[in-house]
Amino acid sequence: MGSISIWHWVIVLLIVSLVFGTKKLRSIGGDLGGAIKGFKDGVRDDADSVAPVADAPLAPSAVLDAPERSTEFAARTATAAHDSR
């Protein structure tokens, strides 16, 4: 009872073709195919543009220098605190 048989699908397709017409269904199919092709091309272009960026060497950042700076700051702060006594 709960499953859809082949005859149900045939009836649904017949009603859809009567409502929309075969020309409209063909144009919808063509538009859908073009959209899928455009999506695949876009994904392929994005994958090509990302690959060279991932292979590029990374520039040193300020985050890497942060431990040295914090050590220098701590030394200066300790010296200033010691001198103020």
PDB file of N, CA and C in Angstrom:
ATOM      1  N   MET A   1       0.811  -1.191   0.000  1.00  0.00           N
ATOM      2  CA  MET A   1       0.000   0.000   0.000  1.00  0.00           C
ATOM      3  C   MET A   1       0.861   1.264   0.000  1.00  0.00           C
ATOM      4  N   GLY A   2       1.920   1.302   0.817  1.00  0.00           N
ATOM      5  CA  GLY A   2       2.709   2.509   0.957  1.00  0.00           C
ATOM      6  C   GLY A   2       3.696   2.743  -0.175  1.00  0.00           C
ATOM      7  N   SER A   3       4.026   1.703  -0.935  1.00  0.00           N
ATOM      8  CA  SER A   3       5.028   1.877  -1.981  1.00  0.00           C
ATOM      9  C   SER A   3       4.381   2.391  -3.264  1.00  0.00           C
ATOM     10  N   ILE A   4       5.179   3.084  -4.051  1.00  0.00           N
ATOM     11  CA  ILE A   4       4.689   3.634  -5.317  1.00  0.00           C
ATOM     12  C   ILE A   4       5.098   2.677  -6.429  1.00  0.00           C
ATOM     13  N   SER A   5       4.128   2.182  -7.168  1.00  0.00           N
ATOM     14  CA  SER A   5       4.414   1.236  -8.245  1.00  0.00           C
ATOM     15  C   SER A   5       4.735   1.996  -9.527  1.00  0.00           C
ATOM     16  N   ILE A   6       5.111   1.271 -10.553  1.00  0.00           N
ATOM     17  CA  ILE A   6       5.439   1.869 -11.846  1.00  0.00           C
ATOM     18  C   ILE A   6       4.224   2.564 -12.442  1.00  0.00           C
ATOM     19  N   TRP A   7       3.046   2.043 -12.182  1.00  0.00           N
ATOM     20  CA  TRP A   7       1.826   2.640 -12.730  1.00  0.00           C
ATOM     21  C   TRP A   7       1.553   4.004 -12.104  1.00  0.00           C
ATOM     22  N   HIS A   8       1.899   4.169 -10.864  1.00  0.00           N
ATOM     23  CA  HIS A   8       1.744   5.484 -10.242  1.00  0.00           C
ATOM     24  C   HIS A   8       2.655   6.502 -10.929  1.00  0.00           C
ATOM     25  N   TRP A   9       3.890   6.106 -11.216  1.00  0.00           N
ATOM     26  CA  TRP A   9       4.832   7.000 -11.891  1.00  0.00           C
ATOM     27  C   TRP A   9       4.350   7.337 -13.297  1.00  0.00           C
ATOM     28  N   VAL A  10       3.791   6.363 -14.000  1.00  0.00           N
ATOM     29  CA  VAL A  10       3.276   6.605 -15.350  1.00  0.00           C
ATOM     30  C   VAL A  10       2.143   7.627 -15.301  1.00  0.00           C
ATOM     31  N   ILE A  11       1.266   7.488 -14.357  1.00  0.00           N
ATOM     32  CA  ILE A  11       0.148   8.427 -14.228  1.00  0.00           C
ATOM     33  C   ILE A  11       0.655   9.826 -13.876  1.00  0.00           C
ATOM     34  N   VAL A  12       1.629   9.914 -12.970  1.00  0.00           N
ATOM     35  CA  VAL A  12       2.193  11.213 -12.595  1.00  0.00           C
ATOM     36  C   VAL A  12       2.864  11.866 -13.799  1.00  0.00           C
ATOM     37  N   LEU A  13       3.644  11.116 -14.567  1.00  0.00           N
ATOM     38  CA  LEU A  13       4.307  11.666 -15.755  1.00  0.00           C
ATOM     39  C   LEU A  13       3.296  12.103 -16.806  1.00  0.00           C
ATOM     40  N   LEU A  14       2.229  11.352 -16.978  1.00  0.00           N
ATOM     41  CA  LEU A  14       1.180  11.712 -17.929  1.00  0.00           C
ATOM     42  C   LEU A  14       0.514  13.028 -17.525  1.00  0.00           C
ATOM     43  N   ILE A  15       0.213  13.188 -16.264  1.00  0.00           N
ATOM     44  CA  ILE A  15      -0.421  14.423 -15.782  1.00  0.00           C
ATOM     45  C   ILE A  15       0.531  15.605 -15.925  1.00  0.00           C
ATOM     46  N   VAL A  16       1.796  15.406 -15.590  1.00  0.00           N
ATOM     47  CA  VAL A  16       2.780  16.487 -15.707  1.00  0.00           C
ATOM     48  C   VAL A  16       2.940  16.903 -17.160  1.00  0.00           C
ATOM     49  N   SER A  17       3.000  15.938 -18.084  1.00  0.00           N
ATOM     50  CA  SER A  17       3.144  16.278 -19.504  1.00  0.00           C
ATOM     51  C   SER A  17       1.896  16.978 -20.032  1.00  0.00           C
ATOM     52  N   LEU A  18       0.725  16.634 -19.528  1.00  0.00           N
ATOM     53  CA  LEU A  18      -0.496  17.329 -19.947  1.00  0.00           C
ATOM     54  C   LEU A  18      -0.543  18.757 -19.412  1.00  0.00           C
ATOM     55  N   VAL A  19      -0.087  18.954 -18.193  1.00  0.00           N
ATOM     56  CA  VAL A  19      -0.136  20.283 -17.587  1.00  0.00           C
ATOM     57  C   VAL A  19       0.891  21.215 -18.218  1.00  0.00           C
ATOM     58  N   PHE A  20       2.127  20.763 -18.354  1.00  0.00           N
ATOM     59  CA  PHE A  20       3.196  21.631 -18.832  1.00  0.00           C
ATOM     60  C   PHE A  20       3.407  21.550 -20.334  1.00  0.00           C
ATOM     61  N   GLY A  21       3.094  20.466 -20.963  1.00  0.00           N
ATOM     62  CA  GLY A  21       3.344  20.298 -22.387  1.00  0.00           C
ATOM     63  C   GLY A  21       4.745  19.780 -22.628  1.00  0.00           C
ATOM     64  N   THR A  22       4.920  19.069 -23.741  1.00  0.00           N
ATOM     65  CA  THR A  22       6.216  18.442 -24.005  1.00  0.00           C
ATOM     66  C   THR A  22       7.285  19.464 -24.361  1.00  0.00           C
ATOM     67  N   LYS A  23       6.922  20.562 -25.050  1.00  0.00           N
ATOM     68  CA  LYS A  23       7.925  21.578 -25.401  1.00  0.00           C
ATOM     69  C   LYS A  23       8.478  22.252 -24.148  1.00  0.00           C
ATOM     70  N   LYS A  24       7.603  22.541 -23.225  1.00  0.00           N
ATOM     71  CA  LYS A  24       8.036  23.174 -21.977  1.00  0.00           C
ATOM     72  C   LYS A  24       8.936  22.233 -21.177  1.00  0.00           C
ATOM     73  N   LEU A  25       8.585  20.942 -21.149  1.00  0.00           N
ATOM     74  CA  LEU A  25       9.412  19.971 -20.422  1.00  0.00           C
ATOM     75  C   LEU A  25      10.782  19.821 -21.072  1.00  0.00           C
ATOM     76  N   ARG A  26      10.833  19.851 -22.429  1.00  0.00           N
ATOM     77  CA  ARG A  26      12.131  19.771 -23.111  1.00  0.00           C
ATOM     78  C   ARG A  26      12.990  20.986 -22.789  1.00  0.00           C
ATOM     79  N   SER A  27      12.385  22.163 -22.766  1.00  0.00           N
ATOM     80  CA  SER A  27      13.174  23.365 -22.470  1.00  0.00           C
ATOM     81  C   SER A  27      13.644  23.366 -21.009  1.00  0.00           C
ATOM     82  N   ILE A  28      12.808  22.862 -20.122  1.00  0.00           N
ATOM     83  CA  ILE A  28      13.223  22.756 -18.714  1.00  0.00           C
ATOM     84  C   ILE A  28      14.388  21.783 -18.586  1.00  0.00           C
ATOM     85  N   GLY A  29      14.324  20.662 -19.315  1.00  0.00           N
ATOM     86  CA  GLY A  29      15.423  19.687 -19.291  1.00  0.00           C
ATOM     87  C   GLY A  29      16.715  20.281 -19.820  1.00  0.00           C
ATOM     88  N   GLY A  30      16.621  21.053 -20.912  1.00  0.00           N
ATOM     89  CA  GLY A  30      17.813  21.705 -21.464  1.00  0.00           C
ATOM     90  C   GLY A  30      18.391  22.736 -20.521  1.00  0.00           C
ATOM     91  N   ASP A  31      17.509  23.507 -19.897  1.00  0.00           N
ATOM     92  CA  ASP A  31      17.971  24.508 -18.927  1.00  0.00           C
ATOM     93  C   ASP A  31      18.633  23.854 -17.722  1.00  0.00           C
ATOM     94  N   LEU A  32      18.056  22.759 -17.266  1.00  0.00           N
ATOM     95  CA  LEU A  32      18.629  22.041 -16.125  1.00  0.00           C
ATOM     96  C   LEU A  32      20.002  21.468 -16.481  1.00  0.00           C
ATOM     97  N   GLY A  33      20.123  20.906 -17.689  1.00  0.00           N
ATOM     98  CA  GLY A  33      21.417  20.380 -18.136  1.00  0.00           C
ATOM     99  C   GLY A  33      22.467  21.478 -18.244  1.00  0.00           C
ATOM    100  N   GLY A  34      22.071  22.651 -18.761  1.00  0.00           N
ATOM    101  CA  GLY A  34      23.001  23.776 -18.860  1.00  0.00           C
ATOM    102  C   GLY A  34      23.435  24.275 -17.492  1.00  0.00           C
ATOM    103  N   ALA A  35      22.508  24.277 -16.555  1.00  0.00           N
ATOM    104  CA  ALA A  35      22.843  24.722 -15.198  1.00  0.00           C
ATOM    105  C   ALA A  35      23.820  23.763 -14.535  1.00  0.00           C
ATOM    106  N   ILE A  36      23.619  22.476 -14.733  1.00  0.00           N
ATOM    107  CA  ILE A  36      24.534  21.482 -14.149  1.00  0.00           C
ATOM    108  C   ILE A  36      25.915  21.611 -14.772  1.00  0.00           C
ATOM    109  N   LYS A  37      25.972  21.812 -16.097  1.00  0.00           N
ATOM    110  CA  LYS A  37      27.262  21.970 -16.777  1.00  0.00           C
ATOM    111  C   LYS A  37      27.977  23.231 -16.283  1.00  0.00           C
ATOM    112  N   GLY A  38      27.240  24.322 -16.130  1.00  0.00           N
ATOM    113  CA  GLY A  38      27.831  25.555 -15.613  1.00  0.00           C
ATOM    114  C   GLY A  38      28.353  25.390 -14.197  1.00  0.00           C
ATOM    115  N   PHE A  39      27.622  24.654 -13.381  1.00  0.00           N
ATOM    116  CA  PHE A  39      28.061  24.399 -12.008  1.00  0.00           C
ATOM    117  C   PHE A  39      29.346  23.592 -11.994  1.00  0.00           C
ATOM    118  N   LYS A  40      29.417  22.552 -12.830  1.00  0.00           N
ATOM    119  CA  LYS A  40      30.631  21.731 -12.889  1.00  0.00           C
ATOM    120  C   LYS A  40      31.818  22.552 -13.365  1.00  0.00           C
ATOM    121  N   ASP A  41      31.609  23.416 -14.376  1.00  0.00           N
ATOM    122  CA  ASP A  41      32.699  24.263 -14.856  1.00  0.00           C
ATOM    123  C   ASP A  41      33.155  25.234 -13.770  1.00  0.00           C
ATOM    124  N   GLY A  42      32.213  25.775 -13.019  1.00  0.00           N
ATOM    125  CA  GLY A  42      32.563  26.690 -11.933  1.00  0.00           C
ATOM    126  C   GLY A  42      33.352  26.008 -10.841  1.00  0.00           C
ATOM    127  N   VAL A  43      32.967  24.794 -10.500  1.00  0.00           N
ATOM    128  CA  VAL A  43      33.696  24.041  -9.474  1.00  0.00           C
ATOM    129  C   VAL A  43      35.090  23.703  -9.973  1.00  0.00           C
ATOM    130  N   ARG A  44      35.199  23.335 -11.240  1.00  0.00           N
ATOM    131  CA  ARG A  44      36.500  22.993 -11.809  1.00  0.00           C
ATOM    132  C   ARG A  44      37.405  24.221 -11.833  1.00  0.00           C
ATOM    133  N   ASP A  45      36.861  25.398 -12.199  1.00  0.00           N
ATOM    134  CA  ASP A  45      37.650  26.628 -12.209  1.00  0.00           C
ATOM    135  C   ASP A  45      38.111  27.001 -10.808  1.00  0.00           C
ATOM    136  N   ASP A  46      37.247  26.837  -9.816  1.00  0.00           N
ATOM    137  CA  ASP A  46      37.629  27.133  -8.438  1.00  0.00           C
ATOM    138  C   ASP A  46      38.731  26.201  -7.960  1.00  0.00           C
ATOM    139  N   ALA A  47      38.651  24.934  -8.333  1.00  0.00           N
ATOM    140  CA  ALA A  47      39.674  23.973  -7.917  1.00  0.00           C
ATOM    141  C   ALA A  47      41.014  24.309  -8.561  1.00  0.00           C
ATOM    142  N   ASP A  48      40.998  24.787  -9.815  1.00  0.00           N
ATOM    143  CA  ASP A  48      42.241  25.155 -10.489  1.00  0.00           C
ATOM    144  C   ASP A  48      42.850  26.407  -9.875  1.00  0.00           C
ATOM    145  N   SER A  49      42.028  27.363  -9.478  1.00  0.00           N
ATOM    146  CA  SER A  49      42.561  28.601  -8.926  1.00  0.00           C
ATOM    147  C   SER A  49      43.047  28.429  -7.490  1.00  0.00           C
ATOM    148  N   VAL A  50      42.537  27.463  -6.769  1.00  0.00           N
ATOM    149  CA  VAL A  50      42.946  27.239  -5.382  1.00  0.00           C
ATOM    150  C   VAL A  50      44.277  26.507  -5.316  1.00  0.00           C
ATOM    151  N   ALA A  51      44.552  25.612  -6.246  1.00  0.00           N
ATOM    152  CA  ALA A  51      45.755  24.781  -6.200  1.00  0.00           C
ATOM    153  C   ALA A  51      47.047  25.602  -6.195  1.00  0.00           C
ATOM    154  N   PRO A  52      47.238  26.612  -7.072  1.00  0.00           N
ATOM    155  CA  PRO A  52      48.495  27.364  -7.023  1.00  0.00           C
ATOM    156  C   PRO A  52      48.667  28.141  -5.724  1.00  0.00           C
ATOM    157  N   VAL A  53      47.607  28.615  -5.149  1.00  0.00           N
ATOM    158  CA  VAL A  53      47.710  29.375  -3.908  1.00  0.00           C
ATOM    159  C   VAL A  53      48.182  28.469  -2.778  1.00  0.00           C
ATOM    160  N   ALA A  54      47.723  27.225  -2.764  1.00  0.00           N
ATOM    161  CA  ALA A  54      48.105  26.295  -1.710  1.00  0.00           C
ATOM    162  C   ALA A  54      49.578  25.904  -1.826  1.00  0.00           C
ATOM    163  N   ASP A  55      50.131  25.921  -3.049  1.00  0.00           N
ATOM    164  CA  ASP A  55      51.522  25.547  -3.245  1.00  0.00           C
ATOM    165  C   ASP A  55      52.486  26.698  -2.976  1.00  0.00           C
ATOM    166  N   ALA A  56      51.988  27.920  -2.887  1.00  0.00           N
ATOM    167  CA  ALA A  56      52.846  29.072  -2.680  1.00  0.00           C
ATOM    168  C   ALA A  56      53.424  29.041  -1.263  1.00  0.00           C
ATOM    169  N   PRO A  57      54.680  29.472  -1.106  1.00  0.00           N
ATOM    170  CA  PRO A  57      55.263  29.498   0.247  1.00  0.00           C
ATOM    171  C   PRO A  57      54.557  30.549   1.098  1.00  0.00           C
ATOM    172  N   LEU A  58      54.441  30.266   2.351  1.00  0.00           N
ATOM    173  CA  LEU A  58      53.766  31.174   3.268  1.00  0.00           C
ATOM    174  C   LEU A  58      54.727  32.248   3.756  1.00  0.00           C
ATOM    175  N   ALA A  59      54.244  33.457   3.834  1.00  0.00           N
ATOM    176  CA  ALA A  59      55.054  34.566   4.320  1.00  0.00           C
ATOM    177  C   ALA A  59      55.112  34.510   5.842  1.00  0.00           C
ATOM    178  N   PRO A  60      56.231  34.919   6.430  1.00  0.00           N
ATOM    179  CA  PRO A  60      56.290  34.939   7.897  1.00  0.00           C
ATOM    180  C   PRO A  60      55.282  35.953   8.423  1.00  0.00           C
ATOM    181  N   SER A  61      54.689  35.636   9.526  1.00  0.00           N
ATOM    182  CA  SER A  61      53.661  36.526  10.061  1.00  0.00           C
ATOM    183  C   SER A  61      54.103  37.096  11.398  1.00  0.00           C
ATOM    184  N   ALA A  62      53.354  38.067  11.839  1.00  0.00           N
ATOM    185  CA  ALA A  62      53.655  38.697  13.121  1.00  0.00           C
ATOM    186  C   ALA A  62      53.387  37.747  14.277  1.00  0.00           C
ATOM    187  N   VAL A  63      52.548  36.761  14.046  1.00  0.00           N
ATOM    188  CA  VAL A  63      52.239  35.799  15.103  1.00  0.00           C
ATOM    189  C   VAL A  63      53.480  34.990  15.459  1.00  0.00           C
ATOM    190  N   LEU A  64      54.312  34.700  14.467  1.00  0.00           N
ATOM    191  CA  LEU A  64      55.528  33.940  14.737  1.00  0.00           C
ATOM    192  C   LEU A  64      56.510  34.747  15.583  1.00  0.00           C
ATOM    193  N   ASP A  65      56.472  36.077  15.441  1.00  0.00           N
ATOM    194  CA  ASP A  65      57.368  36.930  16.210  1.00  0.00           C
ATOM    195  C   ASP A  65      56.825  37.236  17.603  1.00  0.00           C
ATOM    196  N   ALA A  66      55.600  36.880  17.880  1.00  0.00           N
ATOM    197  CA  ALA A  66      54.950  37.227  19.139  1.00  0.00           C
ATOM    198  C   ALA A  66      55.684  36.690  20.370  1.00  0.00           C
ATOM    199  N   PRO A  67      56.186  35.456  20.387  1.00  0.00           N
ATOM    200  CA  PRO A  67      56.894  35.007  21.598  1.00  0.00           C
ATOM    201  C   PRO A  67      58.137  35.841  21.909  1.00  0.00           C
ATOM    202  N   GLU A  68      58.869  36.245  20.868  1.00  0.00           N
ATOM    203  CA  GLU A  68      60.056  37.066  21.105  1.00  0.00           C
ATOM    204  C   GLU A  68      59.656  38.418  21.685  1.00  0.00           C
ATOM    205  N   ARG A  69      58.615  38.999  21.131  1.00  0.00           N
ATOM    206  CA  ARG A  69      58.166  40.300  21.613  1.00  0.00           C
ATOM    207  C   ARG A  69      57.666  40.210  23.048  1.00  0.00           C
ATOM    208  N   SER A  70      56.936  39.158  23.351  1.00  0.00           N
ATOM    209  CA  SER A  70      56.416  39.043  24.718  1.00  0.00           C
ATOM    210  C   SER A  70      57.556  38.818  25.705  1.00  0.00           C
ATOM    211  N   THR A  71      58.608  38.115  25.294  1.00  0.00           N
ATOM    212  CA  THR A  71      59.762  37.906  26.166  1.00  0.00           C
ATOM    213  C   THR A  71      60.481  39.227  26.410  1.00  0.00           C
ATOM    214  N   GLU A  72      60.656  40.019  25.331  1.00  0.00           N
ATOM    215  CA  GLU A  72      61.295  41.323  25.480  1.00  0.00           C
ATOM    216  C   GLU A  72      60.461  42.229  26.381  1.00  0.00           C
ATOM    217  N   PHE A  73      59.146  42.208  26.203  1.00  0.00           N
ATOM    218  CA  PHE A  73      58.260  43.032  27.019  1.00  0.00           C
ATOM    219  C   PHE A  73      58.342  42.621  28.484  1.00  0.00           C
ATOM    220  N   ALA A  74      58.361  41.327  28.724  1.00  0.00           N
ATOM    221  CA  ALA A  74      58.443  40.841  30.108  1.00  0.00           C
ATOM    222  C   ALA A  74      59.761  41.257  30.738  1.00  0.00           C
ATOM    223  N   ALA A  75      60.851  41.206  29.968  1.00  0.00           N
ATOM    224  CA  ALA A  75      62.157  41.602  30.505  1.00  0.00           C
ATOM    225  C   ALA A  75      62.176  43.091  30.832  1.00  0.00           C
ATOM    226  N   ARG A  76      61.617  43.911  29.924  1.00  0.00           N
ATOM    227  CA  ARG A  76      61.585  45.350  30.176  1.00  0.00           C
ATOM    228  C   ARG A  76      60.696  45.682  31.370  1.00  0.00           C
ATOM    229  N   THR A  77      59.581  44.992  31.487  1.00  0.00           N
ATOM    230  CA  THR A  77      58.662  45.237  32.598  1.00  0.00           C
ATOM    231  C   THR A  77      59.312  44.846  33.919  1.00  0.00           C
ATOM    232  N   ALA A  78      60.006  43.725  33.924  1.00  0.00           N
ATOM    233  CA  ALA A  78      60.672  43.283  35.153  1.00  0.00           C
ATOM    234  C   ALA A  78      61.782  44.252  35.534  1.00  0.00           C
ATOM    235  N   THR A  79      62.532  44.740  34.539  1.00  0.00           N
ATOM    236  CA  THR A  79      63.608  45.701  34.806  1.00  0.00           C
ATOM    237  C   THR A  79      63.028  47.006  35.331  1.00  0.00           C
ATOM    238  N   ALA A  80      61.932  47.469  34.728  1.00  0.00           N
ATOM    239  CA  ALA A  80      61.303  48.717  35.170  1.00  0.00           C
ATOM    240  C   ALA A  80      60.748  48.566  36.582  1.00  0.00           C
ATOM    241  N   ALA A  81      60.182  47.426  36.896  1.00  0.00           N
ATOM    242  CA  ALA A  81      59.643  47.196  38.242  1.00  0.00           C
ATOM    243  C   ALA A  81      60.776  47.133  39.257  1.00  0.00           C
ATOM    244  N   HIS A  82      61.899  46.537  38.868  1.00  0.00           N
ATOM    245  CA  HIS A  82      63.042  46.427  39.767  1.00  0.00           C
ATOM    246  C   HIS A  82      63.677  47.799  39.999  1.00  0.00           C
ATOM    247  N   ASP A  83      63.744  48.634  38.947  1.00  0.00           N
ATOM    248  CA  ASP A  83      64.343  49.961  39.075  1.00  0.00           C
ATOM    249  C   ASP A  83      63.474  50.901  39.904  1.00  0.00           C
ATOM    250  N   SER A  84      62.171  50.707  39.903  1.00  0.00           N
ATOM    251  CA  SER A  84      61.282  51.619  40.631  1.00  0.00           C
ATOM    252  C   SER A  84      61.311  51.367  42.130  1.00  0.00           C
ATOM    253  N   ARG A  85      61.865  50.277  42.589  1.00  0.00           N
ATOM    254  CA  ARG A  85      61.924  49.985  44.029  1.00  0.00           C
ATOM    255  C   ARG A  85      62.962  50.763  44.687  1.00  0.00           C
TER     256      ARG A  85
END
